[in-house]
């Protein structure tokens, strides 16, 4: 992920509902969550949730998958990984010992 893409992603994530939605979709895994259910789980009205999911899609953090007659929202794991890598790429001036605790925690929590 380059700087311009990262700025778009951070801009999309700078709003609480969108951040909560992305975290929910990441937790849901590759199956994602049905469109209406995202708003229900977060307690957000459908039209508001749709607008927020559209912003996440424009930032390429979320994609959709057709499931029969319904749509499921899915986290774009490649983009999320790219965003984390963008932040951590030059971590601590090459001192792996300073970054390793963060990496260890990510591995353990997954």
PDB file of N, CA and C in Angstrom:
ATOM      1  N   UNK A   1       0.859  -1.167   0.000  1.00  0.00           N
ATOM      2  CA  UNK A   1       0.000   0.000   0.000  1.00  0.00           C
ATOM      3  C   UNK A   1       0.908   1.233   0.000  1.00  0.00           C
ATOM      4  N   UNK A   2       0.577   2.172  -0.865  1.00  0.00           N
ATOM      5  CA  UNK A   2       1.392   3.381  -0.916  1.00  0.00           C
ATOM      6  C   UNK A   2       0.820   4.464  -0.001  1.00  0.00           C
ATOM      7  N   UNK A   3       1.506   5.592   0.032  1.00  0.00           N
ATOM      8  CA  UNK A   3       1.125   6.677   0.931  1.00  0.00           C
ATOM      9  C   UNK A   3      -0.283   7.201   0.628  1.00  0.00           C
ATOM     10  N   UNK A   4      -0.608   7.381  -0.636  1.00  0.00           N
ATOM     11  CA  UNK A   4      -1.921   7.907  -1.021  1.00  0.00           C
ATOM     12  C   UNK A   4      -3.044   6.952  -0.599  1.00  0.00           C
ATOM     13  N   UNK A   5      -2.856   5.670  -0.828  1.00  0.00           N
ATOM     14  CA  UNK A   5      -3.850   4.668  -0.421  1.00  0.00           C
ATOM     15  C   UNK A   5      -3.988   4.631   1.095  1.00  0.00           C
ATOM     16  N   UNK A   6      -2.869   4.754   1.802  1.00  0.00           N
ATOM     17  CA  UNK A   6      -2.900   4.733   3.259  1.00  0.00           C
ATOM     18  C   UNK A   6      -3.664   5.928   3.809  1.00  0.00           C
ATOM     19  N   UNK A   7      -3.462   7.088   3.208  1.00  0.00           N
ATOM     20  CA  UNK A   7      -4.192   8.280   3.647  1.00  0.00           C
ATOM     21  C   UNK A   7      -5.693   8.084   3.443  1.00  0.00           C
ATOM     22  N   UNK A   8      -6.086   7.509   2.313  1.00  0.00           N
ATOM     23  CA  UNK A   8      -7.513   7.247   2.056  1.00  0.00           C
ATOM     24  C   UNK A   8      -8.069   6.262   3.082  1.00  0.00           C
ATOM     25  N   UNK A   9      -7.279   5.240   3.414  1.00  0.00           N
ATOM     26  CA  UNK A   9      -7.721   4.252   4.402  1.00  0.00           C
ATOM     27  C   UNK A   9      -7.862   4.890   5.778  1.00  0.00           C
ATOM     28  N   UNK A  10      -6.883   5.676   6.180  1.00  0.00           N
ATOM     29  CA  UNK A  10      -6.962   6.339   7.486  1.00  0.00           C
ATOM     30  C   UNK A  10      -8.120   7.325   7.532  1.00  0.00           C
ATOM     31  N   UNK A  11      -8.364   8.007   6.436  1.00  0.00           N
ATOM     32  CA  UNK A  11      -9.495   8.928   6.378  1.00  0.00           C
ATOM     33  C   UNK A  11     -10.803   8.164   6.584  1.00  0.00           C
ATOM     34  N   UNK A  12     -10.945   7.021   5.923  1.00  0.00           N
ATOM     35  CA  UNK A  12     -12.150   6.209   6.077  1.00  0.00           C
ATOM     36  C   UNK A  12     -12.305   5.695   7.498  1.00  0.00           C
ATOM     37  N   UNK A  13     -11.201   5.396   8.144  1.00  0.00           N
ATOM     38  CA  UNK A  13     -11.234   4.826   9.493  1.00  0.00           C
ATOM     39  C   UNK A  13     -11.284   5.882  10.593  1.00  0.00           C
ATOM     40  N   UNK A  14     -11.299   7.150  10.219  1.00  0.00           N
ATOM     41  CA  UNK A  14     -11.275   8.219  11.222  1.00  0.00           C
ATOM     42  C   UNK A  14     -12.650   8.506  11.815  1.00  0.00           C
ATOM     43  N   UNK A  15     -13.622   7.676  11.497  1.00  0.00           N
ATOM     44  CA  UNK A  15     -14.978   7.833  12.028  1.00  0.00           C
ATOM     45  C   UNK A  15     -15.331   6.556  12.792  1.00  0.00           C
ATOM     46  N   UNK A  16     -15.901   6.701  13.969  1.00  0.00           N
ATOM     47  CA  UNK A  16     -16.112   5.573  14.880  1.00  0.00           C
ATOM     48  C   UNK A  16     -16.930   4.428  14.271  1.00  0.00           C
ATOM     49  N   UNK A  17     -18.015   4.746  13.605  1.00  0.00           N
ATOM     50  CA  UNK A  17     -18.865   3.694  13.039  1.00  0.00           C
ATOM     51  C   UNK A  17     -18.122   2.894  11.986  1.00  0.00           C
ATOM     52  N   UNK A  18     -17.365   3.576  11.152  1.00  0.00           N
ATOM     53  CA  UNK A  18     -16.619   2.871  10.104  1.00  0.00           C
ATOM     54  C   UNK A  18     -15.517   2.003  10.701  1.00  0.00           C
ATOM     55  N   UNK A  19     -14.841   2.514  11.717  1.00  0.00           N
ATOM     56  CA  UNK A  19     -13.817   1.708  12.381  1.00  0.00           C
ATOM     57  C   UNK A  19     -14.442   0.473  13.017  1.00  0.00           C
ATOM     58  N   UNK A  20     -15.566   0.655  13.694  1.00  0.00           N
ATOM     59  CA  UNK A  20     -16.274  -0.483  14.310  1.00  0.00           C
ATOM     60  C   UNK A  20     -16.726  -1.492  13.256  1.00  0.00           C
ATOM     61  N   UNK A  21     -17.212  -0.986  12.129  1.00  0.00           N
ATOM     62  CA  UNK A  21     -17.680  -1.873  11.058  1.00  0.00           C
ATOM     63  C   UNK A  21     -16.530  -2.692  10.490  1.00  0.00           C
ATOM     64  N   UNK A  22     -15.400  -2.054  10.238  1.00  0.00           N
ATOM     65  CA  UNK A  22     -14.264  -2.800   9.703  1.00  0.00           C
ATOM     66  C   UNK A  22     -13.786  -3.846  10.697  1.00  0.00           C
ATOM     67  N   UNK A  23     -13.696  -3.487  11.963  1.00  0.00           N
ATOM     68  CA  UNK A  23     -13.269  -4.469  12.971  1.00  0.00           C
ATOM     69  C   UNK A  23     -14.247  -5.645  13.042  1.00  0.00           C
ATOM     70  N   UNK A  24     -15.539  -5.351  12.940  1.00  0.00           N
ATOM     71  CA  UNK A  24     -16.554  -6.407  12.943  1.00  0.00           C
ATOM     72  C   UNK A  24     -16.369  -7.334  11.742  1.00  0.00           C
ATOM     73  N   UNK A  25     -16.123  -6.748  10.575  1.00  0.00           N
ATOM     74  CA  UNK A  25     -15.943  -7.559   9.369  1.00  0.00           C
ATOM     75  C   UNK A  25     -14.654  -8.368   9.413  1.00  0.00           C
ATOM     76  N   UNK A  26     -13.614  -7.812  10.007  1.00  0.00           N
ATOM     77  CA  UNK A  26     -12.372  -8.573  10.167  1.00  0.00           C
ATOM     78  C   UNK A  26     -12.625  -9.778  11.064  1.00  0.00           C
ATOM     79  N   UNK A  27     -13.364  -9.574  12.149  1.00  0.00           N
ATOM     80  CA  UNK A  27     -13.682 -10.667  13.070  1.00  0.00           C
ATOM     81  C   UNK A  27     -14.558 -11.728  12.406  1.00  0.00           C
ATOM     82  N   UNK A  28     -15.400 -11.320  11.474  1.00  0.00           N
ATOM     83  CA  UNK A  28     -16.320 -12.252  10.816  1.00  0.00           C
ATOM     84  C   UNK A  28     -15.605 -13.238   9.902  1.00  0.00           C
ATOM     85  N   UNK A  29     -14.414 -12.890   9.466  1.00  0.00           N
ATOM     86  CA  UNK A  29     -13.670 -13.783   8.595  1.00  0.00           C
ATOM     87  C   UNK A  29     -14.088 -13.648   7.144  1.00  0.00           C
ATOM     88  N   UNK A  30     -13.594 -14.540   6.304  1.00  0.00           N
ATOM     89  CA  UNK A  30     -13.823 -14.430   4.862  1.00  0.00           C
ATOM     90  C   UNK A  30     -15.282 -14.618   4.439  1.00  0.00           C
ATOM     91  N   UNK A  31     -16.123 -15.127   5.329  1.00  0.00           N
ATOM     92  CA  UNK A  31     -17.538 -15.273   4.997  1.00  0.00           C
ATOM     93  C   UNK A  31     -18.252 -13.922   5.030  1.00  0.00           C
ATOM     94  N   UNK A  32     -17.714 -12.982   5.790  1.00  0.00           N
ATOM     95  CA  UNK A  32     -18.322 -11.661   5.891  1.00  0.00           C
ATOM     96  C   UNK A  32     -19.643 -11.688   6.632  1.00  0.00           C
ATOM     97  N   UNK A  33     -20.398 -10.613   6.463  1.00  0.00           N
ATOM     98  CA  UNK A  33     -21.684 -10.458   7.146  1.00  0.00           C
ATOM     99  C   UNK A  33     -22.681  -9.873   6.163  1.00  0.00           C
ATOM    100  N   UNK A  34     -23.910 -10.355   6.232  1.00  0.00           N
ATOM    101  CA  UNK A  34     -24.974  -9.833   5.372  1.00  0.00           C
ATOM    102  C   UNK A  34     -25.147  -8.338   5.607  1.00  0.00           C
ATOM    103  N   UNK A  35     -25.480  -7.637   4.544  1.00  0.00           N
ATOM    104  CA  UNK A  35     -25.562  -6.173   4.572  1.00  0.00           C
ATOM    105  C   UNK A  35     -26.395  -5.645   5.741  1.00  0.00           C
ATOM    106  N   UNK A  36     -27.604  -6.122   5.903  1.00  0.00           N
ATOM    107  CA  UNK A  36     -28.470  -5.627   6.960  1.00  0.00           C
ATOM    108  C   UNK A  36     -27.984  -5.970   8.352  1.00  0.00           C
ATOM    109  N   UNK A  37     -27.270  -7.057   8.459  1.00  0.00           N
ATOM    110  CA  UNK A  37     -26.814  -7.516   9.767  1.00  0.00           C
ATOM    111  C   UNK A  37     -25.685  -6.647  10.333  1.00  0.00           C
ATOM    112  N   UNK A  38     -24.895  -6.031   9.463  1.00  0.00           N
ATOM    113  CA  UNK A  38     -23.801  -5.178   9.942  1.00  0.00           C
ATOM    114  C   UNK A  38     -24.376  -4.057  10.804  1.00  0.00           C
ATOM    115  N   UNK A  39     -25.364  -3.356  10.276  1.00  0.00           N
ATOM    116  CA  UNK A  39     -26.001  -2.271  11.022  1.00  0.00           C
ATOM    117  C   UNK A  39     -26.685  -2.754  12.287  1.00  0.00           C
ATOM    118  N   UNK A  40     -27.347  -3.906  12.194  1.00  0.00           N
ATOM    119  CA  UNK A  40     -28.028  -4.462  13.369  1.00  0.00           C
ATOM    120  C   UNK A  40     -27.046  -4.744  14.496  1.00  0.00           C
ATOM    121  N   UNK A  41     -25.936  -5.353  14.177  1.00  0.00           N
ATOM    122  CA  UNK A  41     -24.944  -5.707  15.200  1.00  0.00           C
ATOM    123  C   UNK A  41     -24.331  -4.474  15.854  1.00  0.00           C
ATOM    124  N   UNK A  42     -24.222  -3.404  15.067  1.00  0.00           N
ATOM    125  CA  UNK A  42     -23.609  -2.189  15.603  1.00  0.00           C
ATOM    126  C   UNK A  42     -24.634  -1.196  16.135  1.00  0.00           C
ATOM    127  N   UNK A  43     -25.923  -1.503  15.942  1.00  0.00           N
ATOM    128  CA  UNK A  43     -26.968  -0.603  16.405  1.00  0.00           C
ATOM    129  C   UNK A  43     -27.045   0.685  15.601  1.00  0.00           C
ATOM    130  N   UNK A  44     -26.787   0.579  14.308  1.00  0.00           N
ATOM    131  CA  UNK A  44     -26.779   1.733  13.412  1.00  0.00           C
ATOM    132  C   UNK A  44     -27.911   1.570  12.389  1.00  0.00           C
ATOM    133  N   UNK A  45     -28.622   2.677  12.099  1.00  0.00           N
ATOM    134  CA  UNK A  45     -29.697   2.632  11.103  1.00  0.00           C
ATOM    135  C   UNK A  45     -29.143   2.217   9.742  1.00  0.00           C
ATOM    136  N   UNK A  46     -29.979   1.507   8.980  1.00  0.00           N
ATOM    137  CA  UNK A  46     -29.565   0.926   7.706  1.00  0.00           C
ATOM    138  C   UNK A  46     -28.996   1.962   6.736  1.00  0.00           C
ATOM    139  N   UNK A  47     -29.678   3.110   6.567  1.00  0.00           N
ATOM    140  CA  UNK A  47     -29.185   4.081   5.592  1.00  0.00           C
ATOM    141  C   UNK A  47     -27.844   4.690   6.034  1.00  0.00           C
ATOM    142  N   UNK A  48     -27.665   4.894   7.315  1.00  0.00           N
ATOM    143  CA  UNK A  48     -26.397   5.414   7.837  1.00  0.00           C
ATOM    144  C   UNK A  48     -25.293   4.381   7.647  1.00  0.00           C
ATOM    145  N   UNK A  49     -25.624   3.111   7.921  1.00  0.00           N
ATOM    146  CA  UNK A  49     -24.625   2.052   7.779  1.00  0.00           C
ATOM    147  C   UNK A  49     -24.224   1.889   6.325  1.00  0.00           C
ATOM    148  N   UNK A  50     -25.181   1.971   5.420  1.00  0.00           N
ATOM    149  CA  UNK A  50     -24.869   1.847   3.995  1.00  0.00           C
ATOM    150  C   UNK A  50     -23.896   2.932   3.547  1.00  0.00           C
ATOM    151  N   UNK A  51     -24.116   4.149   4.004  1.00  0.00           N
ATOM    152  CA  UNK A  51     -23.224   5.253   3.642  1.00  0.00           C
ATOM    153  C   UNK A  51     -21.814   5.007   4.185  1.00  0.00           C
ATOM    154  N   UNK A  52     -21.722   4.504   5.406  1.00  0.00           N
ATOM    155  CA  UNK A  52     -20.411   4.233   6.003  1.00  0.00           C
ATOM    156  C   UNK A  52     -19.705   3.064   5.309  1.00  0.00           C
ATOM    157  N   UNK A  53     -20.443   2.042   4.947  1.00  0.00           N
ATOM    158  CA  UNK A  53     -19.835   0.915   4.239  1.00  0.00           C
ATOM    159  C   UNK A  53     -19.353   1.347   2.857  1.00  0.00           C
ATOM    160  N   UNK A  54     -20.065   2.263   2.237  1.00  0.00           N
ATOM    161  CA  UNK A  54     -19.641   2.782   0.934  1.00  0.00           C
ATOM    162  C   UNK A  54     -18.300   3.493   1.050  1.00  0.00           C
ATOM    163  N   UNK A  55     -18.105   4.260   2.117  1.00  0.00           N
ATOM    164  CA  UNK A  55     -16.824   4.941   2.341  1.00  0.00           C
ATOM    165  C   UNK A  55     -15.703   3.914   2.507  1.00  0.00           C
ATOM    166  N   UNK A  56     -15.962   2.848   3.258  1.00  0.00           N
ATOM    167  CA  UNK A  56     -14.957   1.795   3.445  1.00  0.00           C
ATOM    168  C   UNK A  56     -14.647   1.092   2.124  1.00  0.00           C
ATOM    169  N   UNK A  57     -15.666   0.917   1.293  1.00  0.00           N
ATOM    170  CA  UNK A  57     -15.442   0.299  -0.016  1.00  0.00           C
ATOM    171  C   UNK A  57     -14.613   1.213  -0.912  1.00  0.00           C
ATOM    172  N   UNK A  58     -14.887   2.513  -0.877  1.00  0.00           N
ATOM    173  CA  UNK A  58     -14.127   3.460  -1.694  1.00  0.00           C
ATOM    174  C   UNK A  58     -12.657   3.498  -1.274  1.00  0.00           C
ATOM    175  N   UNK A  59     -12.400   3.235  -0.018  1.00  0.00           N
ATOM    176  CA  UNK A  59     -11.020   3.170   0.480  1.00  0.00           C
ATOM    177  C   UNK A  59     -10.415   1.783   0.256  1.00  0.00           C
ATOM    178  N   UNK A  60     -11.167   0.886  -0.350  1.00  0.00           N
ATOM    179  CA  UNK A  60     -10.743  -0.477  -0.674  1.00  0.00           C
ATOM    180  C   UNK A  60     -10.491  -1.343   0.557  1.00  0.00           C
ATOM    181  N   UNK A  61     -11.095  -0.988   1.681  1.00  0.00           N
ATOM    182  CA  UNK A  61     -10.941  -1.778   2.902  1.00  0.00           C
ATOM    183  C   UNK A  61     -12.007  -2.861   3.023  1.00  0.00           C
ATOM    184  N   UNK A  62     -13.070  -2.728   2.240  1.00  0.00           N
ATOM    185  CA  UNK A  62     -14.207  -3.654   2.289  1.00  0.00           C
ATOM    186  C   UNK A  62     -14.630  -3.974   0.863  1.00  0.00           C
ATOM    187  N   UNK A  63     -15.047  -5.217   0.654  1.00  0.00           N
ATOM    188  CA  UNK A  63     -15.605  -5.630  -0.626  1.00  0.00           C
ATOM    189  C   UNK A  63     -16.975  -6.258  -0.373  1.00  0.00           C
ATOM    190  N   UNK A  64     -17.677  -6.539  -1.450  1.00  0.00           N
ATOM    191  CA  UNK A  64     -18.964  -7.220  -1.330  1.00  0.00           C
ATOM    192  C   UNK A  64     -18.932  -8.521  -2.111  1.00  0.00           C
ATOM    193  N   UNK A  65     -19.747  -9.456  -1.647  1.00  0.00           N
ATOM    194  CA  UNK A  65     -19.910 -10.742  -2.309  1.00  0.00           C
ATOM    195  C   UNK A  65     -21.400 -11.012  -2.399  1.00  0.00           C
ATOM    196  N   UNK A  66     -21.865 -11.386  -3.571  1.00  0.00           N
ATOM    197  CA  UNK A  66     -23.273 -11.716  -3.734  1.00  0.00           C
ATOM    198  C   UNK A  66     -23.509 -13.116  -3.180  1.00  0.00           C
ATOM    199  N   UNK A  67     -24.545 -13.245  -2.374  1.00  0.00           N
ATOM    200  CA  UNK A  67     -24.925 -14.510  -1.753  1.00  0.00           C
ATOM    201  C   UNK A  67     -26.401 -14.736  -2.073  1.00  0.00           C
ATOM    202  N   UNK A  68     -26.657 -15.324  -3.238  1.00  0.00           N
ATOM    203  CA  UNK A  68     -28.043 -15.460  -3.688  1.00  0.00           C
ATOM    204  C   UNK A  68     -28.610 -14.091  -3.996  1.00  0.00           C
ATOM    205  N   UNK A  69     -29.673 -13.721  -3.290  1.00  0.00           N
ATOM    206  CA  UNK A  69     -30.280 -12.411  -3.517  1.00  0.00           C
ATOM    207  C   UNK A  69     -29.759 -11.344  -2.561  1.00  0.00           C
ATOM    208  N   UNK A  70     -28.895 -11.724  -1.668  1.00  0.00           N
ATOM    209  CA  UNK A  70     -28.379 -10.740  -0.711  1.00  0.00           C
ATOM    210  C   UNK A  70     -26.901 -10.447  -0.967  1.00  0.00           C
ATOM    211  N   UNK A  71     -26.440  -9.406  -0.325  1.00  0.00           N
ATOM    212  CA  UNK A  71     -25.040  -8.977  -0.432  1.00  0.00           C
ATOM    213  C   UNK A  71     -24.386  -9.157   0.931  1.00  0.00           C
ATOM    214  N   UNK A  72     -23.169  -9.677   0.917  1.00  0.00           N
ATOM    215  CA  UNK A  72     -22.388  -9.817   2.136  1.00  0.00           C
ATOM    216  C   UNK A  72     -21.195  -8.881   2.037  1.00  0.00           C
ATOM    217  N   UNK A  73     -20.893  -8.205   3.127  1.00  0.00           N
ATOM    218  CA  UNK A  73     -19.713  -7.352   3.197  1.00  0.00           C
ATOM    219  C   UNK A  73     -18.572  -8.153   3.805  1.00  0.00           C
ATOM    220  N   UNK A  74     -17.397  -7.990   3.228  1.00  0.00           N
ATOM    221  CA  UNK A  74     -16.217  -8.746   3.641  1.00  0.00           C
ATOM    222  C   UNK A  74     -15.039  -7.782   3.757  1.00  0.00           C
ATOM    223  N   UNK A  75     -14.260  -7.921   4.807  1.00  0.00           N
ATOM    224  CA  UNK A  75     -13.048  -7.122   4.948  1.00  0.00           C
ATOM    225  C   UNK A  75     -12.074  -7.500   3.838  1.00  0.00           C
ATOM    226  N   UNK A  76     -11.414  -6.514   3.280  1.00  0.00           N
ATOM    227  CA  UNK A  76     -10.367  -6.747   2.287  1.00  0.00           C
ATOM    228  C   UNK A  76      -9.062  -6.940   3.058  1.00  0.00           C
ATOM    229  N   UNK A  77      -8.768  -8.197   3.352  1.00  0.00           N
ATOM    230  CA  UNK A  77      -7.619  -8.509   4.199  1.00  0.00           C
ATOM    231  C   UNK A  77      -6.304  -8.079   3.571  1.00  0.00           C
ATOM    232  N   UNK A  78      -6.215  -8.113   2.260  1.00  0.00           N
ATOM    233  CA  UNK A  78      -4.998  -7.667   1.589  1.00  0.00           C
ATOM    234  C   UNK A  78      -4.755  -6.186   1.852  1.00  0.00           C
ATOM    235  N   UNK A  79      -5.814  -5.382   1.778  1.00  0.00           N
ATOM    236  CA  UNK A  79      -5.678  -3.946   2.031  1.00  0.00           C
ATOM    237  C   UNK A  79      -5.359  -3.668   3.500  1.00  0.00           C
ATOM    238  N   UNK A  80      -6.003  -4.395   4.405  1.00  0.00           N
ATOM    239  CA  UNK A  80      -5.743  -4.202   5.834  1.00  0.00           C
ATOM    240  C   UNK A  80      -4.294  -4.575   6.147  1.00  0.00           C
ATOM    241  N   UNK A  81      -3.829  -5.680   5.602  1.00  0.00           N
ATOM    242  CA  UNK A  81      -2.437  -6.080   5.798  1.00  0.00           C
ATOM    243  C   UNK A  81      -1.492  -5.033   5.212  1.00  0.00           C
ATOM    244  N   UNK A  82      -1.855  -4.511   4.052  1.00  0.00           N
ATOM    245  CA  UNK A  82      -1.034  -3.489   3.418  1.00  0.00           C
ATOM    246  C   UNK A  82      -0.927  -2.237   4.268  1.00  0.00           C
ATOM    247  N   UNK A  83      -2.028  -1.873   4.932  1.00  0.00           N
ATOM    248  CA  UNK A  83      -2.021  -0.698   5.791  1.00  0.00           C
ATOM    249  C   UNK A  83      -1.112  -0.911   7.004  1.00  0.00           C
ATOM    250  N   UNK A  84      -1.211  -2.077   7.606  1.00  0.00           N
ATOM    251  CA  UNK A  84      -0.351  -2.395   8.753  1.00  0.00           C
ATOM    252  C   UNK A  84       1.119  -2.431   8.305  1.00  0.00           C
ATOM    253  N   UNK A  85       1.376  -3.034   7.162  1.00  0.00           N
ATOM    254  CA  UNK A  85       2.750  -3.093   6.665  1.00  0.00           C
ATOM    255  C   UNK A  85       3.292  -1.704   6.339  1.00  0.00           C
ATOM    256  N   UNK A  86       2.437  -0.840   5.796  1.00  0.00           N
ATOM    257  CA  UNK A  86       2.844   0.531   5.511  1.00  0.00           C
ATOM    258  C   UNK A  86       3.348   1.206   6.784  1.00  0.00           C
ATOM    259  N   UNK A  87       2.628   1.005   7.885  1.00  0.00           N
ATOM    260  CA  UNK A  87       3.025   1.607   9.152  1.00  0.00           C
ATOM    261  C   UNK A  87       4.287   0.975   9.736  1.00  0.00           C
ATOM    262  N   UNK A  88       4.419  -0.317   9.592  1.00  0.00           N
ATOM    263  CA  UNK A  88       5.485  -1.048  10.276  1.00  0.00           C
ATOM    264  C   UNK A  88       6.729  -1.286   9.414  1.00  0.00           C
ATOM    265  N   UNK A  89       6.662  -0.965   8.124  1.00  0.00           N
ATOM    266  CA  UNK A  89       7.738  -1.328   7.205  1.00  0.00           C
ATOM    267  C   UNK A  89       9.116  -0.879   7.669  1.00  0.00           C
ATOM    268  N   UNK A  90       9.246   0.343   8.039  1.00  0.00           N
ATOM    269  CA  UNK A  90      10.543   0.870   8.456  1.00  0.00           C
ATOM    270  C   UNK A  90      10.610   1.016   9.974  1.00  0.00           C
ATOM    271  N   UNK A  91       9.977   0.111  10.641  1.00  0.00           N
ATOM    272  CA  UNK A  91       9.811   0.176  12.086  1.00  0.00           C
ATOM    273  C   UNK A  91      11.128   0.333  12.825  1.00  0.00           C
ATOM    274  N   UNK A  92      11.141   1.326  13.648  1.00  0.00           N
ATOM    275  CA  UNK A  92      12.200   1.504  14.645  1.00  0.00           C
ATOM    276  C   UNK A  92      13.595   1.540  14.046  1.00  0.00           C
ATOM    277  N   UNK A  93      13.714   2.074  12.848  1.00  0.00           N
ATOM    278  CA  UNK A  93      15.040   2.201  12.237  1.00  0.00           C
ATOM    279  C   UNK A  93      15.749   0.881  12.045  1.00  0.00           C
ATOM    280  N   UNK A  94      14.993  -0.161  11.796  1.00  0.00           N
ATOM    281  CA  UNK A  94      15.586  -1.472  11.572  1.00  0.00           C
ATOM    282  C   UNK A  94      15.887  -2.262  12.832  1.00  0.00           C
ATOM    283  N   UNK A  95      15.521  -1.731  13.978  1.00  0.00           N
ATOM    284  CA  UNK A  95      15.755  -2.447  15.241  1.00  0.00           C
ATOM    285  C   UNK A  95      14.584  -3.377  15.503  1.00  0.00           C
ATOM    286  N   UNK A  96      14.717  -4.599  15.047  1.00  0.00           N
ATOM    287  CA  UNK A  96      13.661  -5.591  15.153  1.00  0.00           C
ATOM    288  C   UNK A  96      13.226  -5.822  16.594  1.00  0.00           C
ATOM    289  N   UNK A  97      14.123  -5.679  17.546  1.00  0.00           N
ATOM    290  CA  UNK A  97      13.787  -5.912  18.948  1.00  0.00           C
ATOM    291  C   UNK A  97      12.714  -4.950  19.446  1.00  0.00           C
ATOM    292  N   UNK A  98      12.644  -3.747  18.850  1.00  0.00           N
ATOM    293  CA  UNK A  98      11.625  -2.783  19.255  1.00  0.00           C
ATOM    294  C   UNK A  98      10.254  -3.102  18.640  1.00  0.00           C
ATOM    295  N   UNK A  99      10.255  -3.696  17.475  1.00  0.00           N
ATOM    296  CA  UNK A  99       8.991  -4.025  16.791  1.00  0.00           C
ATOM    297  C   UNK A  99       8.478  -5.416  17.141  1.00  0.00           C
ATOM    298  N   UNK A 100       9.358  -6.295  17.529  1.00  0.00           N
ATOM    299  CA  UNK A 100       8.976  -7.687  17.749  1.00  0.00           C
ATOM    300  C   UNK A 100       7.823  -7.867  18.737  1.00  0.00           C
ATOM    301  N   UNK A 101       7.757  -7.114  19.840  1.00  0.00           N
ATOM    302  CA  UNK A 101       6.619  -7.290  20.750  1.00  0.00           C
ATOM    303  C   UNK A 101       5.259  -7.047  20.072  1.00  0.00           C
ATOM    304  N   UNK A 102       5.206  -6.088  19.180  1.00  0.00           N
ATOM    305  CA  UNK A 102       3.960  -5.825  18.449  1.00  0.00           C
ATOM    306  C   UNK A 102       3.640  -7.008  17.543  1.00  0.00           C
ATOM    307  N   UNK A 103       4.629  -7.487  16.827  1.00  0.00           N
ATOM    308  CA  UNK A 103       4.412  -8.612  15.920  1.00  0.00           C
ATOM    309  C   UNK A 103       4.021  -9.870  16.692  1.00  0.00           C
ATOM    310  N   UNK A 104       4.664 -10.104  17.833  1.00  0.00           N
ATOM    311  CA  UNK A 104       4.329 -11.263  18.646  1.00  0.00           C
ATOM    312  C   UNK A 104       2.893 -11.188  19.133  1.00  0.00           C
ATOM    313  N   UNK A 105       2.457 -10.001  19.530  1.00  0.00           N
ATOM    314  CA  UNK A 105       1.099  -9.843  20.025  1.00  0.00           C
ATOM    315  C   UNK A 105       0.075 -10.083  18.914  1.00  0.00           C
ATOM    316  N   UNK A 106       0.373  -9.627  17.707  1.00  0.00           N
ATOM    317  CA  UNK A 106      -0.526  -9.867  16.584  1.00  0.00           C
ATOM    318  C   UNK A 106      -0.673 -11.360  16.312  1.00  0.00           C
ATOM    319  N   UNK A 107       0.429 -12.073  16.346  1.00  0.00           N
ATOM    320  CA  UNK A 107       0.398 -13.509  16.078  1.00  0.00           C
ATOM    321  C   UNK A 107      -0.363 -14.233  17.161  1.00  0.00           C
ATOM    322  N   UNK A 108      -0.143 -13.886  18.396  1.00  0.00           N
ATOM    323  CA  UNK A 108      -0.802 -14.563  19.514  1.00  0.00           C
ATOM    324  C   UNK A 108      -2.312 -14.308  19.537  1.00  0.00           C
ATOM    325  N   UNK A 109      -2.733 -13.102  19.199  1.00  0.00           N
ATOM    326  CA  UNK A 109      -4.157 -12.774  19.254  1.00  0.00           C
ATOM    327  C   UNK A 109      -4.930 -13.332  18.076  1.00  0.00           C
ATOM    328  N   UNK A 110      -4.243 -13.620  16.974  1.00  0.00           N
ATOM    329  CA  UNK A 110      -4.946 -14.199  15.813  1.00  0.00           C
ATOM    330  C   UNK A 110      -5.208 -15.656  16.051  1.00  0.00           C
TER     331      UNK A 110
END
